Amino acid sequence: MTFGEQPAYLRVAGDLRKKIVNGSLPPHTRLPSQARIREEYGVSDTVALEARKVLMAEGLVEGRSGSGTYVRERPVPRRIARSGFRPPSGASPFRQEQADAAARGTWESQSAQAEASAAIAERLAVASGDRVMCTKYVFRDAGEAMMLSTSWEPLALTGRTPVMLPEEGPLGGMGVAERMAAIDLVVDNVTEEVGARPGLAEELQALGGVPGHVVIVIQRTYFASGRPVETADIVVPADRYRIAYHLPVK
């Protein structure tokens, strides 16, 4: 193979991908069988199989038990708007996470005390094993799960206070900044780091994805006078959503 030449299985996958994208192989169409790919492209069974695996890993096709491999419906990505600080008092958790006045939806949450892992402890500037309040959310739009979030707050700050449980008490669901203000912690900065990775099995099950799908992960941390008061991982299906940031000009 000369320099720059693609392996055969990638060339085959690339041609099939092009047919899927341009509509020659529309959604719900059965992908050519392994034997057909072998004959059409003049490749071995191994190459044909690897090409099909590439398309499946990219989420372009899906296997149906006892039926074959079919082209998946390609969703039109929707926008999730985000901004540096949260909206005014009284906004719902769904509205807070999207930072979009038109956002409507429902959410479920569950909180439990836990020990901070080494990674979470570093993000919260606490010792590994320190007690934190861990809250897990599922956000839905028109009944469809569209976002997962797991947040951690140091119990050294919130323990034995009215805001210890993020979704319960007098300020339940009011957002991090407002809740922290109730215990004299003024949130003055928030950071978000955006990355992507293959979705974990439990994430894809909750979000309705398939193995191999990529998710966008936003690592968000709120600070009060330089001290982290909350950190969260927000997980969004990369094939269905785009993250749009609204940043003020200073």
C-alpha atoms as a PDB file:
ATOM      1  CA  MET A   1       0.000   0.000   0.000  1.00  0.00           C
ATOM      2  CA  THR A   2       1.502   3.323  -1.049  1.00  0.00           C
ATOM      3  CA  PHE A   3       1.708   6.336   1.222  1.00  0.00           C
ATOM      4  CA  GLY A   4      -1.670   8.025   1.620  1.00  0.00           C
ATOM      5  CA  GLU A   5      -3.641   5.102   0.149  1.00  0.00           C
ATOM      6  CA  GLN A   6      -6.601   4.026   2.269  1.00  0.00           C
ATOM      7  CA  PRO A   7      -7.054   0.409   3.373  1.00  0.00           C
ATOM      8  CA  ALA A   8      -9.613  -1.420   1.231  1.00  0.00           C
ATOM      9  CA  TYR A   9     -12.229  -1.637   3.981  1.00  0.00           C
ATOM     10  CA  LEU A  10     -12.153   2.159   4.467  1.00  0.00           C
ATOM     11  CA  ARG A  11     -12.549   2.750   0.716  1.00  0.00           C
ATOM     12  CA  VAL A  12     -15.582   0.449   0.656  1.00  0.00           C
ATOM     13  CA  ALA A  13     -17.032   2.043   3.786  1.00  0.00           C
ATOM     14  CA  GLY A  14     -16.428   5.495   2.273  1.00  0.00           C
ATOM     15  CA  ASP A  15     -18.335   4.646  -0.890  1.00  0.00           C
ATOM     16  CA  LEU A  16     -21.255   3.152   1.035  1.00  0.00           C
ATOM     17  CA  ARG A  17     -21.247   6.175   3.352  1.00  0.00           C
ATOM     18  CA  LYS A  18     -21.466   8.477   0.335  1.00  0.00           C
ATOM     19  CA  LYS A  19     -24.504   6.543  -0.932  1.00  0.00           C
ATOM     20  CA  ILE A  20     -26.179   6.840   2.463  1.00  0.00           C
ATOM     21  CA  VAL A  21     -25.513  10.585   2.681  1.00  0.00           C
ATOM     22  CA  ASN A  22     -26.658  11.382  -0.876  1.00  0.00           C
ATOM     23  CA  GLY A  23     -29.789   9.272  -0.561  1.00  0.00           C
ATOM     24  CA  SER A  24     -28.855   6.455  -2.915  1.00  0.00           C
ATOM     25  CA  LEU A  25     -29.294   4.207   0.106  1.00  0.00           C
ATOM     26  CA  PRO A  26     -32.197   5.913   1.910  1.00  0.00           C
ATOM     27  CA  PRO A  27     -33.217   5.266   5.542  1.00  0.00           C
ATOM     28  CA  HIS A  28     -34.653   1.808   6.271  1.00  0.00           C
ATOM     29  CA  THR A  29     -33.031   0.375   3.122  1.00  0.00           C
ATOM     30  CA  ARG A  30     -31.245  -2.905   3.644  1.00  0.00           C
ATOM     31  CA  LEU A  31     -27.477  -2.562   3.261  1.00  0.00           C
ATOM     32  CA  PRO A  32     -25.991  -4.799   0.547  1.00  0.00           C
ATOM     33  CA  SER A  33     -25.117  -8.191   1.986  1.00  0.00           C
ATOM     34  CA  GLN A  34     -21.566  -9.176   2.737  1.00  0.00           C
ATOM     35  CA  ALA A  35     -21.526 -11.360  -0.386  1.00  0.00           C
ATOM     36  CA  ARG A  36     -22.880  -8.503  -2.519  1.00  0.00           C
ATOM     37  CA  ILE A  37     -20.241  -6.087  -1.178  1.00  0.00           C
ATOM     38  CA  ARG A  38     -17.545  -8.671  -1.875  1.00  0.00           C
ATOM     39  CA  GLU A  39     -18.709  -9.112  -5.468  1.00  0.00           C
ATOM     40  CA  GLU A  40     -19.410  -5.435  -6.224  1.00  0.00           C
ATOM     41  CA  TYR A  41     -16.116  -4.114  -4.876  1.00  0.00           C
ATOM     42  CA  GLY A  42     -13.939  -7.132  -5.602  1.00  0.00           C
ATOM     43  CA  VAL A  43     -12.812  -7.527  -2.000  1.00  0.00           C
ATOM     44  CA  SER A  44     -12.552 -10.363   0.477  1.00  0.00           C
ATOM     45  CA  ASP A  45     -15.172 -11.360   3.056  1.00  0.00           C
ATOM     46  CA  THR A  46     -12.945  -9.861   5.747  1.00  0.00           C
ATOM     47  CA  VAL A  47     -12.825  -6.480   3.997  1.00  0.00           C
ATOM     48  CA  ALA A  48     -16.599  -6.502   3.427  1.00  0.00           C
ATOM     49  CA  LEU A  49     -17.217  -7.330   7.085  1.00  0.00           C
ATOM     50  CA  GLU A  50     -14.851  -4.619   8.322  1.00  0.00           C
ATOM     51  CA  ALA A  51     -16.514  -2.031   6.066  1.00  0.00           C
ATOM     52  CA  ARG A  52     -19.919  -2.896   7.526  1.00  0.00           C
ATOM     53  CA  LYS A  53     -18.447  -2.621  11.034  1.00  0.00           C
ATOM     54  CA  VAL A  54     -17.204   0.911  10.252  1.00  0.00           C
ATOM     55  CA  LEU A  55     -20.671   2.055   9.166  1.00  0.00           C
ATOM     56  CA  MET A  56     -22.228   0.463  12.232  1.00  0.00           C
ATOM     57  CA  ALA A  57     -19.695   2.129  14.547  1.00  0.00           C
ATOM     58  CA  GLU A  58     -20.506   5.475  12.909  1.00  0.00           C
ATOM     59  CA  GLY A  59     -24.196   4.935  13.654  1.00  0.00           C
ATOM     60  CA  LEU A  60     -25.151   5.028   9.969  1.00  0.00           C
ATOM     61  CA  VAL A  61     -26.563   1.503   9.925  1.00  0.00           C
ATOM     62  CA  GLU A  62     -28.065  -0.860  12.468  1.00  0.00           C
ATOM     63  CA  GLY A  63     -28.401  -4.619  12.658  1.00  0.00           C
ATOM     64  CA  ARG A  64     -31.838  -6.188  12.973  1.00  0.00           C
ATOM     65  CA  SER A  65     -31.866  -9.671  14.433  1.00  0.00           C
ATOM     66  CA  GLY A  66     -32.635 -12.282  11.788  1.00  0.00           C
ATOM     67  CA  SER A  67     -33.201  -9.647   9.102  1.00  0.00           C
ATOM     68  CA  GLY A  68     -29.940  -7.962   8.173  1.00  0.00           C
ATOM     69  CA  THR A  69     -28.328  -4.528   8.376  1.00  0.00           C
ATOM     70  CA  TYR A  70     -30.341  -1.427   7.544  1.00  0.00           C
ATOM     71  CA  VAL A  71     -29.634   2.267   6.989  1.00  0.00           C
ATOM     72  CA  ARG A  72     -30.664   4.260  10.049  1.00  0.00           C
ATOM     73  CA  GLU A  73     -32.865   7.333   9.989  1.00  0.00           C
ATOM     74  CA  ARG A  74     -30.555  10.352  10.179  1.00  0.00           C
ATOM     75  CA  PRO A  75     -31.966  12.899  12.626  1.00  0.00           C
ATOM     76  CA  VAL A  76     -31.736  16.611  11.890  1.00  0.00           C
ATOM     77  CA  PRO A  77     -29.573  18.011  14.718  1.00  0.00           C
ATOM     78  CA  ARG A  78     -31.308  20.424  17.088  1.00  0.00           C
ATOM     79  CA  ARG A  79     -29.628  23.213  19.023  1.00  0.00           C
ATOM     80  CA  ILE A  80     -29.035  23.273  22.749  1.00  0.00           C
ATOM     81  CA  ALA A  81     -28.323  26.849  23.801  1.00  0.00           C
ATOM     82  CA  ARG A  82     -25.951  27.496  26.681  1.00  0.00           C
ATOM     83  CA  SER A  83     -24.646  30.664  28.334  1.00  0.00           C
ATOM     84  CA  GLY A  84     -22.300  31.603  31.132  1.00  0.00           C
ATOM     85  CA  PHE A  85     -24.807  32.231  33.905  1.00  0.00           C
ATOM     86  CA  ARG A  86     -28.232  30.963  34.699  1.00  0.00           C
ATOM     87  CA  PRO A  87     -31.535  32.740  34.099  1.00  0.00           C
ATOM     88  CA  PRO A  88     -33.467  34.691  36.705  1.00  0.00           C
ATOM     89  CA  SER A  89     -35.054  33.196  39.805  1.00  0.00           C
ATOM     90  CA  GLY A  90     -37.757  30.620  39.360  1.00  0.00           C
ATOM     91  CA  ALA A  91     -36.524  28.917  36.189  1.00  0.00           C
ATOM     92  CA  SER A  92     -36.930  25.151  35.982  1.00  0.00           C
ATOM     93  CA  PRO A  93     -33.910  22.819  35.860  1.00  0.00           C
ATOM     94  CA  PHE A  94     -34.694  22.089  32.194  1.00  0.00           C
ATOM     95  CA  ARG A  95     -34.657  25.800  31.400  1.00  0.00           C
ATOM     96  CA  GLN A  96     -31.452  26.299  33.404  1.00  0.00           C
ATOM     97  CA  GLU A  97     -29.574  23.600  31.515  1.00  0.00           C
ATOM     98  CA  GLN A  98     -30.627  24.890  28.092  1.00  0.00           C
ATOM     99  CA  ALA A  99     -30.390  28.647  28.796  1.00  0.00           C
ATOM    100  CA  ASP A 100     -33.021  29.146  26.105  1.00  0.00           C
ATOM    101  CA  ALA A 101     -36.207  31.106  26.743  1.00  0.00           C
ATOM    102  CA  ALA A 102     -38.128  28.833  24.372  1.00  0.00           C
ATOM    103  CA  ALA A 103     -36.954  25.614  26.032  1.00  0.00           C
ATOM    104  CA  ARG A 104     -39.727  23.427  27.398  1.00  0.00           C
ATOM    105  CA  GLY A 105     -39.469  19.964  28.773  1.00  0.00           C
ATOM    106  CA  THR A 106     -39.512  17.677  31.767  1.00  0.00           C
ATOM    107  CA  TRP A 107     -36.850  16.184  33.987  1.00  0.00           C
ATOM    108  CA  GLU A 108     -36.297  13.497  36.580  1.00  0.00           C
ATOM    109  CA  SER A 109     -33.704  13.628  39.331  1.00  0.00           C
ATOM    110  CA  GLN A 110     -32.320  11.516  42.121  1.00  0.00           C
ATOM    111  CA  SER A 111     -29.860  12.615  44.823  1.00  0.00           C
ATOM    112  CA  ALA A 112     -27.666  10.517  47.113  1.00  0.00           C
ATOM    113  CA  GLN A 113     -24.577  11.064  49.230  1.00  0.00           C
ATOM    114  CA  ALA A 114     -21.363   9.588  47.842  1.00  0.00           C
ATOM    115  CA  GLU A 115     -17.585   9.709  48.166  1.00  0.00           C
ATOM    116  CA  ALA A 116     -15.744  11.921  45.696  1.00  0.00           C
ATOM    117  CA  SER A 117     -13.649   9.962  43.207  1.00  0.00           C
ATOM    118  CA  ALA A 118     -10.133  11.204  42.530  1.00  0.00           C
ATOM    119  CA  ALA A 119     -11.296  12.978  39.341  1.00  0.00           C
ATOM    120  CA  ILE A 120     -14.287  14.669  40.986  1.00  0.00           C
ATOM    121  CA  ALA A 121     -12.235  15.581  44.050  1.00  0.00           C
ATOM    122  CA  GLU A 122      -9.740  17.376  41.811  1.00  0.00           C
ATOM    123  CA  ARG A 123     -12.521  19.317  40.097  1.00  0.00           C
ATOM    124  CA  LEU A 124     -14.037  20.322  43.450  1.00  0.00           C
ATOM    125  CA  ALA A 125     -10.664  21.001  45.150  1.00  0.00           C
ATOM    126  CA  VAL A 126     -11.463  18.548  47.952  1.00  0.00           C
ATOM    127  CA  ALA A 127      -9.777  15.368  49.138  1.00  0.00           C
ATOM    128  CA  SER A 128     -10.490  12.091  47.383  1.00  0.00           C
ATOM    129  CA  GLY A 129     -13.151  10.264  49.390  1.00  0.00           C
ATOM    130  CA  ASP A 130     -14.720  13.435  50.825  1.00  0.00           C
ATOM    131  CA  ARG A 131     -18.498  13.308  51.038  1.00  0.00           C
ATOM    132  CA  VAL A 132     -20.434  14.919  48.193  1.00  0.00           C
ATOM    133  CA  MET A 133     -24.066  15.147  47.174  1.00  0.00           C
ATOM    134  CA  CYS A 134     -24.450  13.410  43.803  1.00  0.00           C
ATOM    135  CA  THR A 135     -27.559  14.236  41.763  1.00  0.00           C
ATOM    136  CA  LYS A 136     -28.449  12.471  38.524  1.00  0.00           C
ATOM    137  CA  TYR A 137     -30.855  14.021  35.998  1.00  0.00           C
ATOM    138  CA  VAL A 138     -32.632  12.859  32.859  1.00  0.00           C
ATOM    139  CA  PHE A 139     -33.985  15.740  30.731  1.00  0.00           C
ATOM    140  CA  ARG A 140     -36.734  15.041  28.192  1.00  0.00           C
ATOM    141  CA  ASP A 141     -38.090  17.005  25.259  1.00  0.00           C
ATOM    142  CA  ALA A 142     -41.542  15.873  24.042  1.00  0.00           C
ATOM    143  CA  GLY A 143     -40.995  12.692  26.036  1.00  0.00           C
ATOM    144  CA  GLU A 144     -37.660  11.894  24.376  1.00  0.00           C
ATOM    145  CA  ALA A 145     -34.566  11.679  26.583  1.00  0.00           C
ATOM    146  CA  MET A 146     -32.228  14.345  25.182  1.00  0.00           C
ATOM    147  CA  MET A 147     -29.715  15.066  27.933  1.00  0.00           C
ATOM    148  CA  LEU A 148     -28.224  13.440  31.031  1.00  0.00           C
ATOM    149  CA  SER A 149     -26.525  15.305  33.844  1.00  0.00           C
ATOM    150  CA  THR A 150     -24.684  14.198  36.966  1.00  0.00           C
ATOM    151  CA  SER A 151     -23.698  16.900  39.471  1.00  0.00           C
ATOM    152  CA  TRP A 152     -21.560  16.819  42.586  1.00  0.00           C
ATOM    153  CA  GLU A 153     -21.538  19.352  45.458  1.00  0.00           C
ATOM    154  CA  PRO A 154     -19.189  19.237  48.477  1.00  0.00           C
ATOM    155  CA  LEU A 155     -21.143  18.438  51.628  1.00  0.00           C
ATOM    156  CA  ALA A 156     -18.502  20.429  53.515  1.00  0.00           C
ATOM    157  CA  LEU A 157     -20.296  23.460  52.021  1.00  0.00           C
ATOM    158  CA  THR A 158     -23.927  22.390  51.747  1.00  0.00           C
ATOM    159  CA  GLY A 159     -24.268  19.698  54.406  1.00  0.00           C
ATOM    160  CA  ARG A 160     -26.836  20.438  57.125  1.00  0.00           C
ATOM    161  CA  THR A 161     -28.106  23.491  55.216  1.00  0.00           C
ATOM    162  CA  PRO A 162     -31.488  24.060  53.523  1.00  0.00           C
ATOM    163  CA  VAL A 163     -29.856  23.606  50.086  1.00  0.00           C
ATOM    164  CA  MET A 164     -28.166  20.256  50.745  1.00  0.00           C
ATOM    165  CA  LEU A 165     -30.574  18.504  48.328  1.00  0.00           C
ATOM    166  CA  PRO A 166     -30.553  20.364  44.968  1.00  0.00           C
ATOM    167  CA  GLU A 167     -34.130  19.439  44.028  1.00  0.00           C
ATOM    168  CA  GLU A 168     -35.773  19.555  47.454  1.00  0.00           C
ATOM    169  CA  GLY A 169     -36.379  22.138  50.172  1.00  0.00           C
ATOM    170  CA  PRO A 170     -37.315  25.820  49.865  1.00  0.00           C
ATOM    171  CA  LEU A 171     -34.883  26.428  46.971  1.00  0.00           C
ATOM    172  CA  GLY A 172     -35.186  23.050  45.275  1.00  0.00           C
ATOM    173  CA  GLY A 173     -34.622  23.315  41.524  1.00  0.00           C
ATOM    174  CA  MET A 174     -33.714  27.017  41.620  1.00  0.00           C
ATOM    175  CA  GLY A 175     -30.236  26.657  40.140  1.00  0.00           C
ATOM    176  CA  VAL A 176     -26.750  26.551  41.612  1.00  0.00           C
ATOM    177  CA  ALA A 177     -26.137  30.307  41.825  1.00  0.00           C
ATOM    178  CA  GLU A 178     -29.365  31.057  43.664  1.00  0.00           C
ATOM    179  CA  ARG A 179     -29.029  28.090  46.019  1.00  0.00           C
ATOM    180  CA  MET A 180     -25.442  28.969  46.924  1.00  0.00           C
ATOM    181  CA  ALA A 181     -26.409  32.600  47.548  1.00  0.00           C
ATOM    182  CA  ALA A 182     -28.763  31.317  50.254  1.00  0.00           C
ATOM    183  CA  ILE A 183     -25.726  30.061  52.213  1.00  0.00           C
ATOM    184  CA  ASP A 184     -23.670  33.204  51.527  1.00  0.00           C
ATOM    185  CA  LEU A 185     -21.644  31.837  48.615  1.00  0.00           C
ATOM    186  CA  VAL A 186     -21.711  34.193  45.642  1.00  0.00           C
ATOM    187  CA  VAL A 187     -21.178  32.347  42.351  1.00  0.00           C
ATOM    188  CA  ASP A 188     -19.030  34.621  40.192  1.00  0.00           C
ATOM    189  CA  ASN A 189     -17.632  32.303  37.526  1.00  0.00           C
ATOM    190  CA  VAL A 190     -18.521  29.154  35.610  1.00  0.00           C
ATOM    191  CA  THR A 191     -16.371  27.099  33.271  1.00  0.00           C
ATOM    192  CA  GLU A 192     -17.392  24.510  30.700  1.00  0.00           C
ATOM    193  CA  GLU A 193     -15.080  22.097  28.894  1.00  0.00           C
ATOM    194  CA  VAL A 194     -16.598  20.348  25.872  1.00  0.00           C
ATOM    195  CA  GLY A 195     -15.397  17.012  24.538  1.00  0.00           C
ATOM    196  CA  ALA A 196     -16.677  13.883  22.834  1.00  0.00           C
ATOM    197  CA  ARG A 197     -16.353  10.148  23.431  1.00  0.00           C
ATOM    198  CA  PRO A 198     -18.213   6.897  22.733  1.00  0.00           C
ATOM    199  CA  GLY A 199     -21.304   6.719  24.928  1.00  0.00           C
ATOM    200  CA  LEU A 200     -21.279   4.344  27.878  1.00  0.00           C
ATOM    201  CA  ALA A 201     -23.760   1.473  27.677  1.00  0.00           C
ATOM    202  CA  GLU A 202     -26.002   2.913  30.404  1.00  0.00           C
ATOM    203  CA  GLU A 203     -25.928   6.371  28.794  1.00  0.00           C
ATOM    204  CA  LEU A 204     -26.924   5.072  25.373  1.00  0.00           C
ATOM    205  CA  GLN A 205     -29.678   2.966  26.907  1.00  0.00           C
ATOM    206  CA  ALA A 206     -31.119   6.046  28.630  1.00  0.00           C
ATOM    207  CA  LEU A 207     -30.718   8.269  25.548  1.00  0.00           C
ATOM    208  CA  GLY A 208     -31.989   5.771  23.000  1.00  0.00           C
ATOM    209  CA  GLY A 209     -28.679   5.374  21.186  1.00  0.00           C
ATOM    210  CA  VAL A 210     -26.912   2.306  19.848  1.00  0.00           C
ATOM    211  CA  PRO A 211     -23.450   0.910  20.687  1.00  0.00           C
ATOM    212  CA  GLY A 212     -20.735   3.010  19.077  1.00  0.00           C
ATOM    213  CA  HIS A 213     -22.682   6.264  19.150  1.00  0.00           C
ATOM    214  CA  VAL A 214     -20.692   9.305  20.175  1.00  0.00           C
ATOM    215  CA  VAL A 215     -21.866  11.652  22.920  1.00  0.00           C
ATOM    216  CA  ILE A 216     -20.919  15.247  23.674  1.00  0.00           C
ATOM    217  CA  VAL A 217     -19.736  15.681  27.258  1.00  0.00           C
ATOM    218  CA  ILE A 218     -19.744  19.098  28.931  1.00  0.00           C
ATOM    219  CA  GLN A 219     -17.766  19.326  32.179  1.00  0.00           C
ATOM    220  CA  ARG A 220     -19.207  22.309  34.008  1.00  0.00           C
ATOM    221  CA  THR A 221     -17.930  23.823  37.260  1.00  0.00           C
ATOM    222  CA  TYR A 222     -19.327  26.753  39.270  1.00  0.00           C
ATOM    223  CA  PHE A 223     -16.965  28.878  41.394  1.00  0.00           C
ATOM    224  CA  ALA A 224     -17.495  31.284  44.281  1.00  0.00           C
ATOM    225  CA  SER A 225     -14.435  33.481  44.937  1.00  0.00           C
ATOM    226  CA  GLY A 226     -12.239  30.914  43.229  1.00  0.00           C
ATOM    227  CA  ARG A 227     -13.637  27.943  45.158  1.00  0.00           C
ATOM    228  CA  PRO A 228     -15.519  25.228  43.223  1.00  0.00           C
ATOM    229  CA  VAL A 229     -19.021  24.812  44.666  1.00  0.00           C
ATOM    230  CA  GLU A 230     -20.524  22.443  42.083  1.00  0.00           C
ATOM    231  CA  THR A 231     -19.292  20.392  39.160  1.00  0.00           C
ATOM    232  CA  ALA A 232     -21.294  18.374  36.656  1.00  0.00           C
ATOM    233  CA  ASP A 233     -21.012  16.128  33.610  1.00  0.00           C
ATOM    234  CA  ILE A 234     -23.681  16.870  30.990  1.00  0.00           C
ATOM    235  CA  VAL A 235     -24.092  14.206  28.297  1.00  0.00           C
ATOM    236  CA  VAL A 236     -25.841  14.852  24.959  1.00  0.00           C
ATOM    237  CA  PRO A 237     -26.207  12.573  21.878  1.00  0.00           C
ATOM    238  CA  ALA A 238     -23.849  13.982  19.247  1.00  0.00           C
ATOM    239  CA  ASP A 239     -25.965  12.851  16.292  1.00  0.00           C
ATOM    240  CA  ARG A 240     -29.132  14.603  17.495  1.00  0.00           C
ATOM    241  CA  TYR A 241     -27.925  17.874  19.025  1.00  0.00           C
ATOM    242  CA  ARG A 242     -25.477  20.742  18.573  1.00  0.00           C
ATOM    243  CA  ILE A 243     -24.248  22.913  21.447  1.00  0.00           C
ATOM    244  CA  ALA A 244     -24.637  26.669  20.840  1.00  0.00           C
ATOM    245  CA  TYR A 245     -22.972  29.149  23.210  1.00  0.00           C
ATOM    246  CA  HIS A 246     -24.131  32.694  23.857  1.00  0.00           C
ATOM    247  CA  LEU A 247     -21.164  34.612  25.251  1.00  0.00           C
ATOM    248  CA  PRO A 248     -21.328  38.251  26.319  1.00  0.00           C
ATOM    249  CA  VAL A 249     -18.902  40.737  24.734  1.00  0.00           C
ATOM    250  CA  LYS A 250     -16.932  42.621  27.371  1.00  0.00           C
END
